[in-house]
Amino acid sequence: MLMGVMSDSHDRIEAIRAAIDKFNAESVELVLHAGDIVSPFSVREFEKLNCKIVCVTGNNDGDPKALRKFLSKIGGELWDVFFKIEVGDKRIALTHGEWPELVEALILSGKYDVVINGHSHEASIRKQNNVLVINPGSCSYPIVNGVVTIGNGTIAVLDLDKMSANILKI
């Protein structure tokens, strides 16, 4: 199964559209968004996904109740702070990442095969304690070499069968 992973879209419609186009081209079966959608108006763009989207709240999501309402209208979900899912025999945790100690606790818990977080706007994929840890970066304002940029946002595609992920520029 291929899963799309994104974070920190911050209402940048053109970046959200580019991410959706890439996910649809990659034929992902589920998209996980690690927070900071920000405003409900940008949710309508996710309706163009060819699959379901599941999101967690981030520190810039000002009205989670409205975000949840808009996402539910398109078949999506919004969870507060943390979401977990099992796909086959793989266990995945999703959180925004503004609390690094929560991310670390999820990794060290031994309960998850994959831990996904965002917040930092810096894309990374690493293995820690036999856990695949994915930060897709930001599709809107990526940080490259310590500098916030506009354009060249990043997302990730997770291949659960191979237990590997790739960072993609959009």
N, C-alpha and C. Protein backbone atom coordinates (compact mmCIF):
# COMPACT_ATOMS: atom_id res chain seq x y z
N MET A 1 0.83 -1.19 0.00
CA MET A 1 0.00 0.00 0.00
C MET A 1 0.87 1.24 0.00
N LEU A 2 0.51 2.20 -0.83
CA LEU A 2 1.18 3.50 -0.86
C LEU A 2 0.34 4.52 -0.12
N MET A 3 1.00 5.27 0.75
CA MET A 3 0.33 6.33 1.50
C MET A 3 1.02 7.65 1.23
N GLY A 4 0.22 8.69 1.08
CA GLY A 4 0.75 10.03 0.96
C GLY A 4 0.92 10.63 2.34
N VAL A 5 1.98 11.40 2.53
CA VAL A 5 2.24 12.03 3.82
C VAL A 5 2.57 13.49 3.56
N MET A 6 1.86 14.37 4.27
CA MET A 6 2.11 15.81 4.11
C MET A 6 1.93 16.50 5.44
N SER A 7 2.39 17.74 5.50
CA SER A 7 2.26 18.53 6.71
C SER A 7 2.40 20.00 6.38
N ASP A 8 1.94 20.82 7.30
CA ASP A 8 2.20 22.26 7.25
C ASP A 8 1.86 22.89 5.91
N SER A 9 0.62 22.68 5.49
CA SER A 9 0.18 23.27 4.22
C SER A 9 -0.18 24.75 4.37
N HIS A 10 -0.50 25.22 5.56
CA HIS A 10 -0.65 26.64 5.87
C HIS A 10 -1.45 27.44 4.84
N ASP A 11 -2.55 26.87 4.37
CA ASP A 11 -3.47 27.57 3.46
C ASP A 11 -2.89 27.95 2.11
N ARG A 12 -1.71 27.49 1.75
CA ARG A 12 -1.14 27.81 0.43
C ARG A 12 -1.80 26.92 -0.60
N ILE A 13 -2.84 27.43 -1.22
CA ILE A 13 -3.68 26.67 -2.14
C ILE A 13 -2.85 26.06 -3.27
N GLU A 14 -1.95 26.83 -3.87
CA GLU A 14 -1.17 26.28 -4.99
C GLU A 14 -0.28 25.12 -4.54
N ALA A 15 0.22 25.17 -3.33
CA ALA A 15 1.05 24.08 -2.80
C ALA A 15 0.18 22.86 -2.50
N ILE A 16 -0.99 23.09 -1.95
CA ILE A 16 -1.92 21.98 -1.68
C ILE A 16 -2.31 21.31 -2.99
N ARG A 17 -2.61 22.09 -4.00
CA ARG A 17 -2.97 21.52 -5.32
C ARG A 17 -1.82 20.71 -5.90
N ALA A 18 -0.60 21.21 -5.78
CA ALA A 18 0.56 20.47 -6.29
C ALA A 18 0.74 19.15 -5.55
N ALA A 19 0.54 19.18 -4.24
CA ALA A 19 0.66 17.95 -3.44
C ALA A 19 -0.41 16.94 -3.86
N ILE A 20 -1.63 17.42 -4.02
CA ILE A 20 -2.73 16.53 -4.44
C ILE A 20 -2.46 15.94 -5.81
N ASP A 21 -1.99 16.76 -6.73
CA ASP A 21 -1.66 16.25 -8.08
C ASP A 21 -0.60 15.15 -8.00
N LYS A 22 0.41 15.37 -7.16
CA LYS A 22 1.48 14.37 -7.01
C LYS A 22 0.94 13.09 -6.38
N PHE A 23 0.12 13.22 -5.32
CA PHE A 23 -0.45 12.03 -4.67
C PHE A 23 -1.34 11.25 -5.65
N ASN A 24 -2.16 11.96 -6.42
CA ASN A 24 -3.01 11.28 -7.39
C ASN A 24 -2.18 10.59 -8.47
N ALA A 25 -1.11 11.23 -8.91
CA ALA A 25 -0.23 10.62 -9.92
C ALA A 25 0.48 9.39 -9.37
N GLU A 26 0.78 9.39 -8.08
CA GLU A 26 1.45 8.25 -7.43
C GLU A 26 0.47 7.15 -7.03
N SER A 27 -0.83 7.41 -7.19
CA SER A 27 -1.91 6.46 -6.85
C SER A 27 -1.87 6.04 -5.39
N VAL A 28 -1.67 7.01 -4.49
CA VAL A 28 -1.69 6.67 -3.07
C VAL A 28 -3.11 6.29 -2.68
N GLU A 29 -3.22 5.44 -1.65
CA GLU A 29 -4.53 4.94 -1.23
C GLU A 29 -5.06 5.64 0.02
N LEU A 30 -4.22 6.43 0.67
CA LEU A 30 -4.61 7.19 1.85
C LEU A 30 -3.59 8.31 2.01
N VAL A 31 -4.06 9.49 2.42
CA VAL A 31 -3.16 10.60 2.72
C VAL A 31 -3.26 10.91 4.21
N LEU A 32 -2.10 11.02 4.86
CA LEU A 32 -2.02 11.43 6.25
C LEU A 32 -1.41 12.83 6.30
N HIS A 33 -2.10 13.75 6.95
CA HIS A 33 -1.66 15.14 7.04
C HIS A 33 -1.29 15.40 8.50
N ALA A 34 -0.04 15.78 8.75
CA ALA A 34 0.48 15.93 10.11
C ALA A 34 0.28 17.34 10.67
N GLY A 35 -0.81 17.99 10.32
CA GLY A 35 -1.19 19.23 10.97
C GLY A 35 -0.78 20.51 10.29
N ASP A 36 -1.41 21.58 10.75
CA ASP A 36 -1.26 22.94 10.24
C ASP A 36 -1.84 23.09 8.83
N ILE A 37 -3.08 22.64 8.69
CA ILE A 37 -3.87 23.01 7.51
C ILE A 37 -4.14 24.50 7.62
N VAL A 38 -4.55 24.95 8.77
CA VAL A 38 -4.79 26.31 9.25
C VAL A 38 -6.27 26.71 9.14
N SER A 39 -6.78 27.02 7.95
CA SER A 39 -8.15 27.54 7.83
C SER A 39 -9.06 26.58 7.06
N PRO A 40 -10.34 26.57 7.42
CA PRO A 40 -11.27 25.66 6.75
C PRO A 40 -11.39 25.88 5.24
N PHE A 41 -11.17 27.11 4.74
CA PHE A 41 -11.36 27.35 3.31
C PHE A 41 -10.42 26.48 2.45
N SER A 42 -9.25 26.14 2.97
CA SER A 42 -8.31 25.36 2.15
C SER A 42 -8.67 23.87 2.11
N VAL A 43 -9.57 23.44 2.99
CA VAL A 43 -9.96 22.02 3.03
C VAL A 43 -10.63 21.58 1.73
N ARG A 44 -11.37 22.49 1.09
CA ARG A 44 -12.09 22.10 -0.13
C ARG A 44 -11.15 21.56 -1.21
N GLU A 45 -9.88 21.97 -1.18
CA GLU A 45 -8.92 21.45 -2.17
C GLU A 45 -8.71 19.94 -2.03
N PHE A 46 -8.79 19.44 -0.80
CA PHE A 46 -8.55 18.02 -0.57
C PHE A 46 -9.64 17.13 -1.16
N GLU A 47 -10.75 17.72 -1.55
CA GLU A 47 -11.82 16.98 -2.20
C GLU A 47 -11.33 16.38 -3.53
N LYS A 48 -10.28 16.96 -4.10
CA LYS A 48 -9.75 16.51 -5.39
C LYS A 48 -8.85 15.27 -5.26
N LEU A 49 -8.56 14.87 -4.01
CA LEU A 49 -7.79 13.63 -3.81
C LEU A 49 -8.59 12.44 -4.29
N ASN A 50 -7.89 11.46 -4.83
CA ASN A 50 -8.54 10.21 -5.26
C ASN A 50 -8.60 9.20 -4.13
N CYS A 51 -8.42 9.65 -2.90
CA CYS A 51 -8.44 8.76 -1.73
C CYS A 51 -8.86 9.58 -0.51
N LYS A 52 -8.97 8.92 0.61
CA LYS A 52 -9.35 9.57 1.86
C LYS A 52 -8.14 10.31 2.45
N ILE A 53 -8.43 11.34 3.24
CA ILE A 53 -7.40 12.05 3.98
C ILE A 53 -7.74 12.01 5.48
N VAL A 54 -6.71 11.76 6.28
CA VAL A 54 -6.83 11.78 7.74
C VAL A 54 -5.79 12.77 8.24
N CYS A 55 -6.22 13.68 9.12
CA CYS A 55 -5.36 14.75 9.60
C CYS A 55 -5.32 14.78 11.12
N VAL A 56 -4.26 15.36 11.66
CA VAL A 56 -4.21 15.71 13.07
C VAL A 56 -4.08 17.23 13.17
N THR A 57 -4.47 17.76 14.32
CA THR A 57 -4.35 19.20 14.52
C THR A 57 -2.89 19.59 14.71
N GLY A 58 -2.59 20.80 14.29
CA GLY A 58 -1.27 21.38 14.51
C GLY A 58 -1.41 22.65 15.32
N ASN A 59 -0.30 23.25 15.67
CA ASN A 59 -0.33 24.42 16.53
C ASN A 59 -0.87 25.68 15.85
N ASN A 60 -1.03 25.67 14.52
CA ASN A 60 -1.58 26.82 13.81
C ASN A 60 -3.01 26.61 13.33
N ASP A 61 -3.61 25.49 13.67
CA ASP A 61 -4.99 25.22 13.27
C ASP A 61 -5.92 25.95 14.24
N GLY A 62 -6.39 27.13 13.81
CA GLY A 62 -7.12 28.02 14.70
C GLY A 62 -8.51 27.58 15.08
N ASP A 63 -9.18 26.82 14.23
CA ASP A 63 -10.56 26.43 14.50
C ASP A 63 -10.74 24.95 14.18
N PRO A 64 -10.24 24.08 15.03
CA PRO A 64 -10.34 22.64 14.76
C PRO A 64 -11.77 22.16 14.55
N LYS A 65 -12.72 22.75 15.23
CA LYS A 65 -14.12 22.34 15.08
C LYS A 65 -14.58 22.57 13.63
N ALA A 66 -14.27 23.73 13.09
CA ALA A 66 -14.64 24.03 11.70
C ALA A 66 -13.85 23.16 10.72
N LEU A 67 -12.56 22.96 10.98
CA LEU A 67 -11.76 22.08 10.12
C LEU A 67 -12.37 20.68 10.09
N ARG A 68 -12.74 20.17 11.27
CA ARG A 68 -13.33 18.84 11.37
C ARG A 68 -14.63 18.76 10.56
N LYS A 69 -15.44 19.80 10.68
CA LYS A 69 -16.72 19.84 9.95
C LYS A 69 -16.49 19.81 8.44
N PHE A 70 -15.58 20.65 7.95
CA PHE A 70 -15.31 20.70 6.51
C PHE A 70 -14.69 19.40 6.02
N LEU A 71 -13.77 18.84 6.78
CA LEU A 71 -13.16 17.57 6.38
C LEU A 71 -14.20 16.45 6.34
N SER A 72 -15.09 16.42 7.31
CA SER A 72 -16.10 15.36 7.32
C SER A 72 -17.02 15.44 6.11
N LYS A 73 -17.24 16.64 5.60
CA LYS A 73 -18.08 16.82 4.40
C LYS A 73 -17.46 16.17 3.16
N ILE A 74 -16.14 16.02 3.16
CA ILE A 74 -15.47 15.39 2.00
C ILE A 74 -14.99 13.98 2.34
N GLY A 75 -15.45 13.45 3.47
CA GLY A 75 -15.08 12.09 3.86
C GLY A 75 -13.75 12.00 4.59
N GLY A 76 -13.19 13.14 4.98
CA GLY A 76 -11.92 13.15 5.70
C GLY A 76 -12.14 13.17 7.20
N GLU A 77 -11.05 13.09 7.93
CA GLU A 77 -11.10 13.08 9.38
C GLU A 77 -10.05 14.03 9.94
N LEU A 78 -10.36 14.62 11.10
CA LEU A 78 -9.40 15.42 11.85
C LEU A 78 -9.39 14.93 13.28
N TRP A 79 -8.20 14.57 13.77
CA TRP A 79 -8.01 14.10 15.13
C TRP A 79 -7.21 15.12 15.90
N ASP A 80 -7.48 15.23 17.19
CA ASP A 80 -6.72 16.15 18.04
C ASP A 80 -5.38 15.52 18.40
N VAL A 81 -4.31 16.17 18.05
CA VAL A 81 -2.94 15.87 18.47
C VAL A 81 -2.37 14.57 17.93
N PHE A 82 -3.14 13.47 17.96
CA PHE A 82 -2.57 12.15 17.71
C PHE A 82 -3.58 11.25 17.01
N PHE A 83 -3.10 10.44 16.09
CA PHE A 83 -3.92 9.44 15.41
C PHE A 83 -3.08 8.20 15.24
N LYS A 84 -3.70 7.04 15.39
CA LYS A 84 -3.00 5.79 15.10
C LYS A 84 -3.87 4.95 14.19
N ILE A 85 -3.20 4.19 13.35
CA ILE A 85 -3.88 3.34 12.38
C ILE A 85 -3.07 2.07 12.20
N GLU A 86 -3.76 0.97 11.97
CA GLU A 86 -3.11 -0.28 11.59
C GLU A 86 -3.51 -0.60 10.16
N VAL A 87 -2.51 -0.87 9.35
CA VAL A 87 -2.74 -1.26 7.97
C VAL A 87 -2.02 -2.59 7.79
N GLY A 88 -2.78 -3.65 7.63
CA GLY A 88 -2.17 -4.98 7.62
C GLY A 88 -1.53 -5.21 8.97
N ASP A 89 -0.26 -5.55 8.95
CA ASP A 89 0.46 -5.77 10.21
C ASP A 89 1.31 -4.57 10.62
N LYS A 90 1.12 -3.44 9.96
CA LYS A 90 1.91 -2.23 10.25
C LYS A 90 1.10 -1.26 11.11
N ARG A 91 1.75 -0.75 12.13
CA ARG A 91 1.13 0.21 13.04
C ARG A 91 1.78 1.58 12.83
N ILE A 92 0.93 2.58 12.60
CA ILE A 92 1.41 3.92 12.24
C ILE A 92 0.86 4.93 13.24
N ALA A 93 1.72 5.83 13.71
CA ALA A 93 1.34 6.94 14.58
C ALA A 93 1.54 8.24 13.82
N LEU A 94 0.60 9.17 13.99
CA LEU A 94 0.64 10.46 13.32
C LEU A 94 0.43 11.56 14.36
N THR A 95 1.33 12.52 14.41
CA THR A 95 1.19 13.67 15.29
C THR A 95 1.84 14.87 14.61
N HIS A 96 1.52 16.06 15.07
CA HIS A 96 2.09 17.24 14.42
C HIS A 96 3.58 17.37 14.73
N GLY A 97 3.95 17.28 15.98
CA GLY A 97 5.38 17.33 16.30
C GLY A 97 5.82 18.54 17.09
N GLU A 98 4.89 19.41 17.49
CA GLU A 98 5.32 20.57 18.27
C GLU A 98 5.80 20.17 19.65
N TRP A 99 5.51 18.93 20.07
CA TRP A 99 6.03 18.40 21.32
C TRP A 99 7.02 17.29 20.99
N PRO A 100 8.30 17.59 20.86
CA PRO A 100 9.29 16.57 20.50
C PRO A 100 9.30 15.38 21.45
N GLU A 101 8.97 15.63 22.72
CA GLU A 101 8.96 14.52 23.68
C GLU A 101 7.85 13.52 23.36
N LEU A 102 6.73 13.98 22.77
CA LEU A 102 5.68 13.05 22.35
C LEU A 102 6.17 12.21 21.18
N VAL A 103 6.82 12.83 20.21
CA VAL A 103 7.36 12.09 19.07
C VAL A 103 8.35 11.05 19.57
N GLU A 104 9.24 11.45 20.45
CA GLU A 104 10.25 10.52 20.99
C GLU A 104 9.58 9.38 21.76
N ALA A 105 8.54 9.69 22.54
CA ALA A 105 7.84 8.64 23.30
C ALA A 105 7.17 7.64 22.36
N LEU A 106 6.60 8.13 21.26
CA LEU A 106 5.98 7.23 20.28
C LEU A 106 7.03 6.30 19.66
N ILE A 107 8.18 6.86 19.35
CA ILE A 107 9.26 6.06 18.76
C ILE A 107 9.74 5.01 19.74
N LEU A 108 9.95 5.40 20.98
CA LEU A 108 10.52 4.50 21.99
C LEU A 108 9.51 3.52 22.58
N SER A 109 8.22 3.74 22.34
CA SER A 109 7.19 2.90 22.95
C SER A 109 7.22 1.45 22.48
N GLY A 110 7.75 1.22 21.30
CA GLY A 110 7.74 -0.14 20.74
C GLY A 110 6.39 -0.53 20.16
N LYS A 111 5.46 0.40 20.11
CA LYS A 111 4.10 0.11 19.63
C LYS A 111 3.91 0.40 18.14
N TYR A 112 4.85 1.11 17.53
CA TYR A 112 4.64 1.58 16.16
C TYR A 112 5.79 1.18 15.25
N ASP A 113 5.42 0.89 14.00
CA ASP A 113 6.40 0.61 12.96
C ASP A 113 6.81 1.89 12.24
N VAL A 114 5.86 2.84 12.20
CA VAL A 114 6.09 4.12 11.52
C VAL A 114 5.57 5.23 12.43
N VAL A 115 6.36 6.28 12.59
CA VAL A 115 5.93 7.49 13.30
C VAL A 115 6.09 8.65 12.33
N ILE A 116 4.99 9.40 12.15
CA ILE A 116 4.97 10.53 11.23
C ILE A 116 4.73 11.80 12.03
N ASN A 117 5.54 12.81 11.75
CA ASN A 117 5.35 14.12 12.37
C ASN A 117 5.73 15.21 11.38
N GLY A 118 5.34 16.42 11.70
CA GLY A 118 5.65 17.59 10.88
C GLY A 118 6.25 18.67 11.75
N HIS A 119 5.70 19.86 11.66
CA HIS A 119 5.99 21.02 12.48
C HIS A 119 7.30 21.74 12.13
N SER A 120 8.37 21.03 11.95
CA SER A 120 9.68 21.68 11.75
C SER A 120 9.85 22.26 10.35
N HIS A 121 9.03 21.84 9.40
CA HIS A 121 9.13 22.23 7.99
C HIS A 121 10.38 21.66 7.32
N GLU A 122 11.11 20.80 7.99
CA GLU A 122 12.32 20.19 7.43
C GLU A 122 12.06 18.71 7.15
N ALA A 123 12.15 18.33 5.89
CA ALA A 123 11.89 16.95 5.48
C ALA A 123 13.00 16.03 5.96
N SER A 124 12.59 14.86 6.48
CA SER A 124 13.58 13.86 6.88
C SER A 124 12.93 12.49 6.97
N ILE A 125 13.74 11.50 6.69
CA ILE A 125 13.36 10.10 6.85
C ILE A 125 14.52 9.43 7.56
N ARG A 126 14.22 8.72 8.65
CA ARG A 126 15.28 8.04 9.38
C ARG A 126 14.73 6.80 10.05
N LYS A 127 15.61 5.93 10.43
CA LYS A 127 15.26 4.76 11.24
C LYS A 127 15.78 5.02 12.64
N GLN A 128 14.91 4.80 13.63
CA GLN A 128 15.32 4.94 15.03
C GLN A 128 14.61 3.84 15.81
N ASN A 129 15.37 3.03 16.51
CA ASN A 129 14.81 1.92 17.30
C ASN A 129 13.90 1.03 16.46
N ASN A 130 14.30 0.73 15.25
CA ASN A 130 13.52 -0.11 14.33
C ASN A 130 12.21 0.55 13.89
N VAL A 131 12.10 1.85 14.06
CA VAL A 131 10.91 2.60 13.66
C VAL A 131 11.29 3.50 12.49
N LEU A 132 10.45 3.49 11.45
CA LEU A 132 10.63 4.42 10.34
C LEU A 132 9.99 5.74 10.75
N VAL A 133 10.80 6.79 10.84
CA VAL A 133 10.34 8.10 11.30
C VAL A 133 10.34 9.04 10.09
N ILE A 134 9.15 9.59 9.79
CA ILE A 134 9.00 10.42 8.59
C ILE A 134 8.51 11.81 8.96
N ASN A 135 9.23 12.81 8.51
CA ASN A 135 8.76 14.18 8.54
C ASN A 135 8.74 14.61 7.08
N PRO A 136 7.55 14.83 6.51
CA PRO A 136 7.48 15.17 5.09
C PRO A 136 7.93 16.58 4.77
N GLY A 137 8.28 17.34 5.80
CA GLY A 137 8.62 18.75 5.59
C GLY A 137 7.34 19.54 5.44
N SER A 138 7.39 20.60 4.69
CA SER A 138 6.22 21.46 4.48
C SER A 138 5.95 21.59 3.00
N CYS A 139 4.71 21.38 2.63
CA CYS A 139 4.39 21.58 1.21
C CYS A 139 4.28 23.06 0.89
N SER A 140 4.23 23.91 1.92
CA SER A 140 4.04 25.34 1.69
C SER A 140 5.29 26.19 1.87
N TYR A 141 5.94 26.05 3.02
CA TYR A 141 7.10 26.87 3.34
C TYR A 141 8.22 25.99 3.88
N PRO A 142 8.89 25.24 3.00
CA PRO A 142 9.94 24.34 3.49
C PRO A 142 11.15 25.11 4.02
N ILE A 143 11.82 24.48 4.96
CA ILE A 143 13.08 25.03 5.45
C ILE A 143 14.20 24.22 4.81
N VAL A 144 15.06 24.91 4.11
CA VAL A 144 16.18 24.28 3.43
C VAL A 144 17.46 24.94 3.95
N ASN A 145 18.35 24.14 4.51
CA ASN A 145 19.59 24.66 5.09
C ASN A 145 19.32 25.79 6.09
N GLY A 146 18.28 25.61 6.88
CA GLY A 146 17.96 26.57 7.93
C GLY A 146 17.23 27.82 7.47
N VAL A 147 16.85 27.89 6.18
CA VAL A 147 16.20 29.08 5.65
C VAL A 147 14.80 28.71 5.15
N VAL A 148 13.80 29.51 5.57
CA VAL A 148 12.43 29.31 5.09
C VAL A 148 12.37 29.75 3.63
N THR A 149 11.80 28.89 2.79
CA THR A 149 11.69 29.20 1.36
C THR A 149 10.23 29.14 0.94
N ILE A 150 9.94 29.70 -0.19
CA ILE A 150 8.63 29.56 -0.81
C ILE A 150 8.85 28.81 -2.11
N GLY A 151 8.06 27.79 -2.33
CA GLY A 151 8.24 26.95 -3.50
C GLY A 151 9.09 25.74 -3.14
N ASN A 152 9.11 24.80 -4.02
CA ASN A 152 9.84 23.55 -3.79
C ASN A 152 9.45 22.90 -2.47
N GLY A 153 8.15 22.96 -2.17
CA GLY A 153 7.65 22.28 -0.99
C GLY A 153 7.88 20.79 -1.10
N THR A 154 7.73 20.10 0.02
CA THR A 154 7.97 18.67 0.03
C THR A 154 6.80 17.92 0.65
N ILE A 155 6.64 16.70 0.18
CA ILE A 155 5.69 15.73 0.71
C ILE A 155 6.45 14.40 0.73
N ALA A 156 5.79 13.36 1.22
CA ALA A 156 6.43 12.03 1.20
C ALA A 156 5.43 10.99 0.73
N VAL A 157 5.97 9.92 0.19
CA VAL A 157 5.17 8.75 -0.14
C VAL A 157 5.77 7.58 0.62
N LEU A 158 4.90 6.92 1.38
CA LEU A 158 5.27 5.78 2.20
C LEU A 158 4.81 4.50 1.52
N ASP A 159 5.73 3.58 1.28
CA ASP A 159 5.41 2.27 0.73
C ASP A 159 5.42 1.28 1.89
N LEU A 160 4.25 0.90 2.35
CA LEU A 160 4.17 0.01 3.51
C LEU A 160 4.66 -1.40 3.21
N ASP A 161 4.53 -1.84 1.96
CA ASP A 161 5.01 -3.17 1.60
C ASP A 161 6.53 -3.26 1.71
N LYS A 162 7.21 -2.19 1.31
CA LYS A 162 8.68 -2.17 1.36
C LYS A 162 9.20 -1.52 2.65
N MET A 163 8.30 -0.94 3.42
CA MET A 163 8.68 -0.20 4.62
C MET A 163 9.76 0.83 4.31
N SER A 164 9.45 1.63 3.29
CA SER A 164 10.37 2.69 2.89
C SER A 164 9.54 3.91 2.50
N ALA A 165 10.19 5.05 2.49
CA ALA A 165 9.52 6.29 2.13
C ALA A 165 10.46 7.14 1.29
N ASN A 166 9.87 8.00 0.49
CA ASN A 166 10.63 8.93 -0.33
C ASN A 166 10.08 10.33 -0.15
N ILE A 167 10.95 11.30 -0.07
CA ILE A 167 10.57 12.71 -0.04
C ILE A 167 10.45 13.16 -1.50
N LEU A 168 9.35 13.83 -1.82
CA LEU A 168 9.13 14.33 -3.17
C LEU A 168 8.99 15.84 -3.13
N LYS A 169 9.63 16.52 -4.07
CA LYS A 169 9.43 17.96 -4.22
C LYS A 169 8.18 18.17 -5.05
N ILE A 170 7.46 19.23 -4.70
CA ILE A 170 6.24 19.54 -5.47
C ILE A 170 6.39 20.89 -6.16
